[in-house]
PDB file of N, CA and C in Angstrom:
ATOM      1  N   MET A   1     -29.201  27.215   9.756  1.00  0.00           N
ATOM      2  CA  MET A   1     -28.516  27.443   8.862  1.00  0.00           C
ATOM      3  C   MET A   1     -28.689  26.819   7.265  1.00  0.00           C
ATOM      4  N   GLY A   2     -29.405  25.533   7.808  1.00  0.00           N
ATOM      5  CA  GLY A   2     -30.050  24.897   6.187  1.00  0.00           C
ATOM      6  C   GLY A   2     -29.011  23.977   5.495  1.00  0.00           C
ATOM      7  N   ASN A   3     -29.249  24.261   4.405  1.00  0.00           N
ATOM      8  CA  ASN A   3     -28.040  23.482   3.809  1.00  0.00           C
ATOM      9  C   ASN A   3     -26.268  23.815   3.572  1.00  0.00           C
ATOM     10  N   VAL A   4     -25.944  23.946   4.267  1.00  0.00           N
ATOM     11  CA  VAL A   4     -24.191  24.061   4.447  1.00  0.00           C
ATOM     12  C   VAL A   4     -23.758  22.773   4.594  1.00  0.00           C
ATOM     13  N   ASP A   5     -22.424  22.809   3.683  1.00  0.00           N
ATOM     14  CA  ASP A   5     -22.090  21.754   3.266  1.00  0.00           C
ATOM     15  C   ASP A   5     -20.730  21.860   4.371  1.00  0.00           C
ATOM     16  N   ILE A   6     -20.988  20.850   5.275  1.00  0.00           N
ATOM     17  CA  ILE A   6     -20.138  20.773   6.831  1.00  0.00           C
ATOM     18  C   ILE A   6     -18.651  20.273   5.916  1.00  0.00           C
ATOM     19  N   ILE A   7     -18.424  19.624   5.891  1.00  0.00           N
ATOM     20  CA  ILE A   7     -16.737  19.135   5.175  1.00  0.00           C
ATOM     21  C   ILE A   7     -16.059  20.280   4.493  1.00  0.00           C
ATOM     22  N   ARG A   8     -16.849  20.775   3.614  1.00  0.00           N
ATOM     23  CA  ARG A   8     -15.946  22.039   2.918  1.00  0.00           C
ATOM     24  C   ARG A   8     -15.539  22.813   3.894  1.00  0.00           C
ATOM     25  N   LEU A   9     -16.639  22.915   4.850  1.00  0.00           N
ATOM     26  CA  LEU A   9     -16.890  24.405   6.339  1.00  0.00           C
ATOM     27  C   LEU A   9     -15.498  23.972   6.967  1.00  0.00           C
ATOM     28  N   ALA A  10     -15.542  22.459   7.172  1.00  0.00           N
ATOM     29  CA  ALA A  10     -14.134  22.158   8.219  1.00  0.00           C
ATOM     30  C   ALA A  10     -13.114  21.982   7.474  1.00  0.00           C
ATOM     31  N   LYS A  11     -13.163  21.961   6.101  1.00  0.00           N
ATOM     32  CA  LYS A  11     -11.961  21.825   5.776  1.00  0.00           C
ATOM     33  C   LYS A  11     -11.054  23.263   5.210  1.00  0.00           C
ATOM     34  N   GLU A  12     -11.815  24.403   4.996  1.00  0.00           N
ATOM     35  CA  GLU A  12     -11.730  25.435   4.878  1.00  0.00           C
ATOM     36  C   GLU A  12     -11.857  26.306   6.010  1.00  0.00           C
ATOM     37  N   CYS A  13     -12.532  26.153   7.481  1.00  0.00           N
ATOM     38  CA  CYS A  13     -12.600  26.944   8.146  1.00  0.00           C
ATOM     39  C   CYS A  13     -12.594  26.308   9.398  1.00  0.00           C
ATOM     40  N   PRO A  14     -11.329  24.972   9.860  1.00  0.00           N
ATOM     41  CA  PRO A  14     -11.196  23.926  11.014  1.00  0.00           C
ATOM     42  C   PRO A  14     -11.120  24.929  11.823  1.00  0.00           C
ATOM     43  N   GLY A  15     -10.890  25.968  12.628  1.00  0.00           N
ATOM     44  CA  GLY A  15     -11.041  26.434  13.779  1.00  0.00           C
ATOM     45  C   GLY A  15     -12.522  26.753  13.764  1.00  0.00           C
ATOM     46  N   THR A  16     -13.484  27.274  13.367  1.00  0.00           N
ATOM     47  CA  THR A  16     -14.923  27.598  13.337  1.00  0.00           C
ATOM     48  C   THR A  16     -15.489  26.851  14.228  1.00  0.00           C
ATOM     49  N   ILE A  17     -16.818  27.492  15.240  1.00  0.00           N
ATOM     50  CA  ILE A  17     -16.793  26.725  16.044  1.00  0.00           C
ATOM     51  C   ILE A  17     -18.989  26.510  15.471  1.00  0.00           C
ATOM     52  N   VAL A  18     -19.693  25.057  15.277  1.00  0.00           N
ATOM     53  CA  VAL A  18     -20.854  25.390  14.693  1.00  0.00           C
ATOM     54  C   VAL A  18     -21.535  24.950  15.626  1.00  0.00           C
ATOM     55  N   SER A  19     -23.087  24.566  15.563  1.00  0.00           N
ATOM     56  CA  SER A  19     -24.129  24.557  15.939  1.00  0.00           C
ATOM     57  C   SER A  19     -24.692  23.828  14.953  1.00  0.00           C
ATOM     58  N   LEU A  20     -24.856  22.463  14.905  1.00  0.00           N
ATOM     59  CA  LEU A  20     -25.943  21.685  13.894  1.00  0.00           C
ATOM     60  C   LEU A  20     -26.941  20.779  14.738  1.00  0.00           C
ATOM     61  N   GLN A  21     -28.186  20.536  13.788  1.00  0.00           N
ATOM     62  CA  GLN A  21     -28.707  19.657  14.363  1.00  0.00           C
ATOM     63  C   GLN A  21     -28.177  18.209  13.495  1.00  0.00           C
ATOM     64  N   ALA A  22     -28.322  17.220  14.635  1.00  0.00           N
ATOM     65  CA  ALA A  22     -28.069  15.767  14.438  1.00  0.00           C
ATOM     66  C   ALA A  22     -28.096  15.273  12.924  1.00  0.00           C
ATOM     67  N   ALA A  23     -29.347  15.761  12.048  1.00  0.00           N
ATOM     68  CA  ALA A  23     -29.807  15.446  10.924  1.00  0.00           C
ATOM     69  C   ALA A  23     -28.175  15.956   9.909  1.00  0.00           C
ATOM     70  N   ASP A  24     -27.926  16.669   9.748  1.00  0.00           N
ATOM     71  CA  ASP A  24     -27.084  17.326   9.294  1.00  0.00           C
ATOM     72  C   ASP A  24     -25.672  16.849   9.818  1.00  0.00           C
ATOM     73  N   LEU A  25     -24.917  16.582  11.063  1.00  0.00           N
ATOM     74  CA  LEU A  25     -24.607  16.005  10.827  1.00  0.00           C
ATOM     75  C   LEU A  25     -24.054  14.151  10.495  1.00  0.00           C
ATOM     76  N   ALA A  26     -25.366  13.477  10.990  1.00  0.00           N
ATOM     77  CA  ALA A  26     -25.791  12.819  10.303  1.00  0.00           C
ATOM     78  C   ALA A  26     -25.123  12.486   8.641  1.00  0.00           C
ATOM     79  N   GLU A  27     -25.646  13.549   7.659  1.00  0.00           N
ATOM     80  CA  GLU A  27     -25.555  13.632   6.370  1.00  0.00           C
ATOM     81  C   GLU A  27     -24.134  13.683   6.010  1.00  0.00           C
ATOM     82  N   ALA A  28     -23.546  14.873   6.896  1.00  0.00           N
ATOM     83  CA  ALA A  28     -22.074  14.736   6.669  1.00  0.00           C
ATOM     84  C   ALA A  28     -21.189  13.611   6.949  1.00  0.00           C
ATOM     85  N   GLY A  29     -21.630  12.919   7.906  1.00  0.00           N
ATOM     86  CA  GLY A  29     -21.053  11.393   8.167  1.00  0.00           C
ATOM     87  C   GLY A  29     -21.119  10.285   7.109  1.00  0.00           C
ATOM     88  N   ARG A  30     -22.315  10.574   6.030  1.00  0.00           N
ATOM     89  CA  ARG A  30     -22.711   9.935   5.238  1.00  0.00           C
ATOM     90  C   ARG A  30     -21.875  10.151   3.892  1.00  0.00           C
ATOM     91  N   ARG A  31     -22.152  11.483   3.824  1.00  0.00           N
ATOM     92  CA  ARG A  31     -20.932  11.831   2.864  1.00  0.00           C
ATOM     93  C   ARG A  31     -19.520  11.516   2.659  1.00  0.00           C
ATOM     94  N   LEU A  32     -18.797  11.593   3.644  1.00  0.00           N
ATOM     95  CA  LEU A  32     -18.097  11.793   4.453  1.00  0.00           C
ATOM     96  C   LEU A  32     -17.125   9.708   4.066  1.00  0.00           C
ATOM     97  N   ILE A  33     -18.147   9.359   4.590  1.00  0.00           N
ATOM     98  CA  ILE A  33     -18.123   7.535   4.582  1.00  0.00           C
ATOM     99  C   ILE A  33     -18.368   7.158   2.593  1.00  0.00           C
ATOM    100  N   ASP A  34     -18.987   7.939   2.170  1.00  0.00           N
ATOM    101  CA  ASP A  34     -19.423   7.899   0.612  1.00  0.00           C
ATOM    102  C   ASP A  34     -17.728   8.483  -0.040  1.00  0.00           C
ATOM    103  N   GLN A  35     -17.077   9.514   0.249  1.00  0.00           N
ATOM    104  CA  GLN A  35     -16.031   9.796  -0.011  1.00  0.00           C
ATOM    105  C   GLN A  35     -14.643   8.796  -0.149  1.00  0.00           C
ATOM    106  N   VAL A  36     -15.032   8.231   1.153  1.00  0.00           N
ATOM    107  CA  VAL A  36     -13.543   7.511   1.614  1.00  0.00           C
ATOM    108  C   VAL A  36     -13.627   6.580   0.623  1.00  0.00           C
ATOM    109  N   ARG A  37     -15.059   5.754   0.536  1.00  0.00           N
ATOM    110  CA  ARG A  37     -15.159   4.154  -0.158  1.00  0.00           C
ATOM    111  C   ARG A  37     -14.628   4.941  -1.217  1.00  0.00           C
ATOM    112  N   VAL A  38     -15.235   5.835  -2.116  1.00  0.00           N
ATOM    113  CA  VAL A  38     -14.673   5.821  -3.952  1.00  0.00           C
ATOM    114  C   VAL A  38     -13.146   6.060  -3.813  1.00  0.00           C
ATOM    115  N   GLU A  39     -12.974   6.716  -2.594  1.00  0.00           N
ATOM    116  CA  GLU A  39     -11.012   6.909  -2.729  1.00  0.00           C
ATOM    117  C   GLU A  39     -10.865   5.464  -2.009  1.00  0.00           C
ATOM    118  N   VAL A  40     -10.902   4.668  -1.329  1.00  0.00           N
ATOM    119  CA  VAL A  40     -10.653   3.312  -1.140  1.00  0.00           C
ATOM    120  C   VAL A  40     -10.661   2.044  -2.253  1.00  0.00           C
ATOM    121  N   GLU A  41     -12.114   2.373  -2.826  1.00  0.00           N
ATOM    122  CA  GLU A  41     -12.226   1.755  -4.068  1.00  0.00           C
ATOM    123  C   GLU A  41     -11.494   1.686  -4.942  1.00  0.00           C
ATOM    124  N   LYS A  42     -10.955   3.347  -5.650  1.00  0.00           N
ATOM    125  CA  LYS A  42     -10.155   3.318  -6.468  1.00  0.00           C
ATOM    126  C   LYS A  42      -9.171   3.099  -6.957  1.00  0.00           C
ATOM    127  N   GLU A  43      -8.167   3.357  -5.207  1.00  0.00           N
ATOM    128  CA  GLU A  43      -6.878   2.880  -4.838  1.00  0.00           C
ATOM    129  C   GLU A  43      -7.189   1.695  -4.948  1.00  0.00           C
ATOM    130  N   ALA A  44      -7.512   0.717  -4.248  1.00  0.00           N
ATOM    131  CA  ALA A  44      -7.558  -1.027  -4.242  1.00  0.00           C
ATOM    132  C   ALA A  44      -7.639  -1.467  -6.223  1.00  0.00           C
ATOM    133  N   ARG A  45      -8.092  -0.697  -7.386  1.00  0.00           N
ATOM    134  CA  ARG A  45      -8.146  -0.909  -8.259  1.00  0.00           C
ATOM    135  C   ARG A  45      -6.956  -0.299  -9.322  1.00  0.00           C
ATOM    136  N   SER A  46      -6.181   0.278  -9.224  1.00  0.00           N
ATOM    137  CA  SER A  46      -5.424   0.959  -9.540  1.00  0.00           C
ATOM    138  C   SER A  46      -4.031  -0.326  -8.671  1.00  0.00           C
ATOM    139  N   LYS A  47      -3.917  -0.557  -7.650  1.00  0.00           N
ATOM    140  CA  LYS A  47      -3.360  -1.503  -6.698  1.00  0.00           C
ATOM    141  C   LYS A  47      -3.271  -2.675  -7.628  1.00  0.00           C
ATOM    142  N   ALA A  48      -4.660  -3.457  -7.910  1.00  0.00           N
ATOM    143  CA  ALA A  48      -4.830  -4.519  -8.191  1.00  0.00           C
ATOM    144  C   ALA A  48      -3.805  -4.642  -9.733  1.00  0.00           C
ATOM    145  N   ALA A  49      -4.903  -3.337 -10.581  1.00  0.00           N
ATOM    146  CA  ALA A  49      -4.005  -3.762 -12.074  1.00  0.00           C
ATOM    147  C   ALA A  49      -2.219  -3.124 -12.161  1.00  0.00           C
ATOM    148  N   SER A  50      -2.023  -2.861 -11.091  1.00  0.00           N
ATOM    149  CA  SER A  50      -0.376  -2.728 -11.005  1.00  0.00           C
ATOM    150  C   SER A  50       0.216  -3.706 -10.661  1.00  0.00           C
ATOM    151  N   SER A  51      -0.914  -5.281 -10.003  1.00  0.00           N
ATOM    152  CA  SER A  51       0.106  -6.041  -9.240  1.00  0.00           C
ATOM    153  C   SER A  51       0.001  -6.896  -9.920  1.00  0.00           C
ATOM    154  N   LEU A  52      -0.232  -7.274 -11.671  1.00  0.00           N
ATOM    155  CA  LEU A  52      -0.260  -8.234 -12.526  1.00  0.00           C
ATOM    156  C   LEU A  52       0.646  -7.951 -13.569  1.00  0.00           C
ATOM    157  N   LEU A  53       1.561  -8.666 -13.727  1.00  0.00           N
ATOM    158  CA  LEU A  53       2.625  -8.657 -14.723  1.00  0.00           C
ATOM    159  C   LEU A  53       2.635  -9.256 -16.129  1.00  0.00           C
ATOM    160  N   THR A  54       3.227  -8.720 -17.212  1.00  0.00           N
ATOM    161  CA  THR A  54       2.877  -9.690 -18.535  1.00  0.00           C
ATOM    162  C   THR A  54       3.803 -10.649 -18.526  1.00  0.00           C
ATOM    163  N   LYS A  55       4.077 -11.696 -19.053  1.00  0.00           N
ATOM    164  CA  LYS A  55       5.318 -12.449 -19.322  1.00  0.00           C
ATOM    165  C   LYS A  55       6.512 -11.415 -19.316  1.00  0.00           C
ATOM    166  N   GLU A  56       6.315 -11.014 -20.683  1.00  0.00           N
ATOM    167  CA  GLU A  56       7.550  -9.882 -21.058  1.00  0.00           C
ATOM    168  C   GLU A  56       8.205  -9.100 -19.859  1.00  0.00           C
ATOM    169  N   GLN A  57       7.318  -8.730 -19.057  1.00  0.00           N
ATOM    170  CA  GLN A  57       7.581  -8.163 -17.772  1.00  0.00           C
ATOM    171  C   GLN A  57       8.195  -9.193 -16.509  1.00  0.00           C
ATOM    172  N   VAL A  58       7.595 -10.000 -16.832  1.00  0.00           N
ATOM    173  CA  VAL A  58       8.382 -11.278 -15.564  1.00  0.00           C
ATOM    174  C   VAL A  58       9.794 -11.667 -16.225  1.00  0.00           C
ATOM    175  N   MET A  59       9.894 -11.697 -17.433  1.00  0.00           N
ATOM    176  CA  MET A  59      10.995 -12.468 -18.399  1.00  0.00           C
ATOM    177  C   MET A  59      12.169 -11.349 -18.316  1.00  0.00           C
ATOM    178  N   GLN A  60      11.929  -9.801 -18.138  1.00  0.00           N
ATOM    179  CA  GLN A  60      12.811  -8.819 -17.876  1.00  0.00           C
ATOM    180  C   GLN A  60      13.478  -8.671 -16.306  1.00  0.00           C
ATOM    181  N   ARG A  61      12.230  -8.991 -15.725  1.00  0.00           N
ATOM    182  CA  ARG A  61      12.685  -8.295 -13.873  1.00  0.00           C
ATOM    183  C   ARG A  61      13.372  -9.680 -13.705  1.00  0.00           C
ATOM    184  N   LEU A  62      13.308 -10.363 -14.037  1.00  0.00           N
ATOM    185  CA  LEU A  62      14.018 -12.121 -13.384  1.00  0.00           C
ATOM    186  C   LEU A  62      14.988 -12.981 -14.398  1.00  0.00           C
ATOM    187  N   ASN A  63      15.192 -11.639 -15.750  1.00  0.00           N
ATOM    188  CA  ASN A  63      15.732 -11.636 -16.512  1.00  0.00           C
ATOM    189  C   ASN A  63      15.966 -13.893 -16.951  1.00  0.00           C
ATOM    190  N   VAL A  64      14.716 -14.056 -16.981  1.00  0.00           N
ATOM    191  CA  VAL A  64      14.763 -15.211 -17.836  1.00  0.00           C
ATOM    192  C   VAL A  64      13.418 -15.637 -18.789  1.00  0.00           C
ATOM    193  N   SER A  65      14.289 -16.489 -19.958  1.00  0.00           N
ATOM    194  CA  SER A  65      13.302 -16.581 -20.704  1.00  0.00           C
ATOM    195  C   SER A  65      12.087 -17.167 -20.428  1.00  0.00           C
ATOM    196  N   ASP A  66      11.455 -17.012 -22.220  1.00  0.00           N
ATOM    197  CA  ASP A  66      10.003 -17.896 -21.804  1.00  0.00           C
ATOM    198  C   ASP A  66       9.428 -18.937 -21.639  1.00  0.00           C
ATOM    199  N   THR A  67      11.056 -19.816 -21.945  1.00  0.00           N
ATOM    200  CA  THR A  67      11.481 -21.764 -21.717  1.00  0.00           C
ATOM    201  C   THR A  67      11.383 -21.955 -20.006  1.00  0.00           C
ATOM    202  N   THR A  68      11.866 -20.728 -19.653  1.00  0.00           N
ATOM    203  CA  THR A  68      11.996 -21.033 -18.222  1.00  0.00           C
ATOM    204  C   THR A  68      10.776 -20.876 -17.581  1.00  0.00           C
ATOM    205  N   LEU A  69       9.961 -20.022 -18.269  1.00  0.00           N
ATOM    206  CA  LEU A  69       8.373 -19.073 -17.209  1.00  0.00           C
ATOM    207  C   LEU A  69       7.700 -20.519 -17.739  1.00  0.00           C
ATOM    208  N   TRP A  70       7.673 -21.135 -19.011  1.00  0.00           N
ATOM    209  CA  TRP A  70       6.999 -22.988 -19.171  1.00  0.00           C
ATOM    210  C   TRP A  70       7.033 -23.395 -18.194  1.00  0.00           C
ATOM    211  N   ARG A  71       8.545 -23.731 -17.509  1.00  0.00           N
ATOM    212  CA  ARG A  71       8.975 -24.529 -17.421  1.00  0.00           C
ATOM    213  C   ARG A  71       8.609 -25.020 -15.521  1.00  0.00           C
ATOM    214  N   TRP A  72       8.303 -23.770 -15.172  1.00  0.00           N
ATOM    215  CA  TRP A  72       8.203 -22.624 -13.800  1.00  0.00           C
ATOM    216  C   TRP A  72       6.789 -23.244 -13.801  1.00  0.00           C
ATOM    217  N   LYS A  73       5.922 -23.222 -14.481  1.00  0.00           N
ATOM    218  CA  LYS A  73       4.469 -23.125 -14.694  1.00  0.00           C
ATOM    219  C   LYS A  73       4.224 -24.709 -14.543  1.00  0.00           C
ATOM    220  N   LYS A  74       5.063 -25.072 -15.492  1.00  0.00           N
ATOM    221  CA  LYS A  74       4.708 -27.098 -15.328  1.00  0.00           C
ATOM    222  C   LYS A  74       4.873 -27.370 -14.347  1.00  0.00           C
ATOM    223  N   SER A  75       5.584 -26.738 -13.163  1.00  0.00           N
ATOM    224  CA  SER A  75       6.705 -27.282 -11.888  1.00  0.00           C
ATOM    225  C   SER A  75       5.868 -27.089 -11.169  1.00  0.00           C
ATOM    226  N   GLY A  76       4.923 -26.255 -11.242  1.00  0.00           N
ATOM    227  CA  GLY A  76       4.348 -25.346 -10.030  1.00  0.00           C
ATOM    228  C   GLY A  76       4.775 -23.916  -9.043  1.00  0.00           C
ATOM    229  N   TYR A  77       6.359 -23.834  -9.585  1.00  0.00           N
ATOM    230  CA  TYR A  77       7.204 -22.904  -9.551  1.00  0.00           C
ATOM    231  C   TYR A  77       6.374 -21.326  -9.546  1.00  0.00           C
ATOM    232  N   LEU A  78       6.168 -21.332 -10.532  1.00  0.00           N
ATOM    233  CA  LEU A  78       5.279 -19.627 -10.733  1.00  0.00           C
ATOM    234  C   LEU A  78       4.198 -19.881 -11.641  1.00  0.00           C
ATOM    235  N   LEU A  79       2.984 -19.683 -11.281  1.00  0.00           N
ATOM    236  CA  LEU A  79       1.854 -19.935 -11.735  1.00  0.00           C
ATOM    237  C   LEU A  79       1.326 -18.639 -12.269  1.00  0.00           C
ATOM    238  N   PRO A  80       0.846 -18.394 -13.589  1.00  0.00           N
ATOM    239  CA  PRO A  80       0.338 -17.510 -13.751  1.00  0.00           C
ATOM    240  C   PRO A  80      -1.338 -17.469 -13.410  1.00  0.00           C
ATOM    241  N   VAL A  81      -1.856 -16.285 -14.010  1.00  0.00           N
ATOM    242  CA  VAL A  81      -3.644 -16.184 -13.427  1.00  0.00           C
ATOM    243  C   VAL A  81      -3.726 -16.140 -14.467  1.00  0.00           C
ATOM    244  N   GLU A  82      -4.960 -16.426 -15.478  1.00  0.00           N
ATOM    245  CA  GLU A  82      -5.227 -16.011 -16.478  1.00  0.00           C
ATOM    246  C   GLU A  82      -6.632 -14.728 -16.409  1.00  0.00           C
ATOM    247  N   VAL A  83      -6.053 -13.749 -16.947  1.00  0.00           N
ATOM    248  CA  VAL A  83      -7.202 -12.133 -17.011  1.00  0.00           C
ATOM    249  C   VAL A  83      -7.624 -11.685 -18.176  1.00  0.00           C
ATOM    250  N   GLY A  84      -8.836 -12.191 -18.482  1.00  0.00           N
ATOM    251  CA  GLY A  84      -9.627 -11.661 -19.555  1.00  0.00           C
ATOM    252  C   GLY A  84      -9.031 -12.322 -20.863  1.00  0.00           C
ATOM    253  N   GLY A  85      -8.516 -13.821 -20.750  1.00  0.00           N
ATOM    254  CA  GLY A  85      -8.081 -14.524 -21.869  1.00  0.00           C
ATOM    255  C   GLY A  85      -6.553 -14.279 -21.937  1.00  0.00           C
ATOM    256  N   GLN A  86      -5.721 -13.500 -21.111  1.00  0.00           N
ATOM    257  CA  GLN A  86      -4.310 -13.365 -20.933  1.00  0.00           C
ATOM    258  C   GLN A  86      -4.009 -13.697 -20.065  1.00  0.00           C
ATOM    259  N   LEU A  87      -2.556 -14.632 -19.984  1.00  0.00           N
ATOM    260  CA  LEU A  87      -1.878 -14.940 -18.833  1.00  0.00           C
ATOM    261  C   LEU A  87      -1.040 -13.746 -17.993  1.00  0.00           C
ATOM    262  N   ARG A  88      -1.157 -13.652 -16.772  1.00  0.00           N
ATOM    263  CA  ARG A  88      -0.441 -12.385 -16.230  1.00  0.00           C
ATOM    264  C   ARG A  88       0.124 -13.572 -14.717  1.00  0.00           C
ATOM    265  N   TYR A  89       1.383 -12.099 -14.272  1.00  0.00           N
ATOM    266  CA  TYR A  89       1.973 -12.989 -13.191  1.00  0.00           C
ATOM    267  C   TYR A  89       1.646 -11.707 -11.896  1.00  0.00           C
ATOM    268  N   LYS A  90       1.389 -12.529 -10.807  1.00  0.00           N
ATOM    269  CA  LYS A  90       0.947 -12.041  -9.238  1.00  0.00           C
ATOM    270  C   LYS A  90       2.600 -11.294  -9.328  1.00  0.00           C
ATOM    271  N   SER A  91       2.783  -9.612  -9.278  1.00  0.00           N
ATOM    272  CA  SER A  91       4.044  -9.269  -8.361  1.00  0.00           C
ATOM    273  C   SER A  91       4.198  -9.665  -6.987  1.00  0.00           C
ATOM    274  N   ILE A  92       3.444 -10.022  -6.531  1.00  0.00           N
ATOM    275  CA  ILE A  92       3.889 -10.807  -5.039  1.00  0.00           C
ATOM    276  C   ILE A  92       4.726 -12.315  -5.202  1.00  0.00           C
ATOM    277  N   ASP A  93       4.659 -12.908  -6.530  1.00  0.00           N
ATOM    278  CA  ASP A  93       5.261 -14.042  -6.218  1.00  0.00           C
ATOM    279  C   ASP A  93       6.366 -13.847  -6.541  1.00  0.00           C
ATOM    280  N   ILE A  94       6.594 -12.730  -7.479  1.00  0.00           N
ATOM    281  CA  ILE A  94       7.775 -12.284  -8.792  1.00  0.00           C
ATOM    282  C   ILE A  94       8.751 -11.985  -7.566  1.00  0.00           C
ATOM    283  N   ASP A  95       8.358 -10.950  -6.440  1.00  0.00           N
ATOM    284  CA  ASP A  95       9.173 -10.444  -5.173  1.00  0.00           C
ATOM    285  C   ASP A  95       9.662 -11.291  -4.178  1.00  0.00           C
ATOM    286  N   LYS A  96       8.738 -12.832  -4.447  1.00  0.00           N
ATOM    287  CA  LYS A  96       9.056 -13.730  -3.253  1.00  0.00           C
ATOM    288  C   LYS A  96      10.795 -13.959  -4.549  1.00  0.00           C
ATOM    289  N   ILE A  97      10.075 -14.251  -5.770  1.00  0.00           N
ATOM    290  CA  ILE A  97      11.363 -15.117  -5.961  1.00  0.00           C
ATOM    291  C   ILE A  97      12.885 -14.035  -6.166  1.00  0.00           C
ATOM    292  N   VAL A  98      12.402 -13.093  -6.700  1.00  0.00           N
ATOM    293  CA  VAL A  98      13.960 -12.131  -6.234  1.00  0.00           C
ATOM    294  C   VAL A  98      14.272 -11.895  -4.664  1.00  0.00           C
ATOM    295  N   GLU A  99      13.534 -11.924  -4.017  1.00  0.00           N
ATOM    296  CA  GLU A  99      13.910 -12.280  -2.545  1.00  0.00           C
ATOM    297  C   GLU A  99      14.128 -13.336  -2.185  1.00  0.00           C
ATOM    298  N   GLY A 100      14.417 -14.706  -3.075  1.00  0.00           N
ATOM    299  CA  GLY A 100      14.856 -15.889  -2.359  1.00  0.00           C
ATOM    300  C   GLY A 100      14.075 -16.502  -1.794  1.00  0.00           C
ATOM    301  N   LYS A 101      12.698 -16.236  -1.627  1.00  0.00           N
ATOM    302  CA  LYS A 101      11.689 -17.262  -1.148  1.00  0.00           C
ATOM    303  C   LYS A 101      11.341 -17.830  -1.758  1.00  0.00           C
TER     304      LYS A 101
END
């Protein structure tokens, strides 16, 4: 069979029975792992970016002032993280406040 794209074949013709060399199966497995790795890393980057909120977003979501955020930071109640020289707040921390935890 030579250079058959096993993954594409499986997607396009899922009921097809094939006979292949172990090396072809191993290569298909490596390619599948690489594709999954790329998708997982892309999703993780997207989640990480969306899980950090700006001060303005936090103020709006919690309906609090800049002064309140400053006091919470000083008391350790809500600590921001510094990203690229800017303060961001973890959405998980904001969710806990909203839930009353």
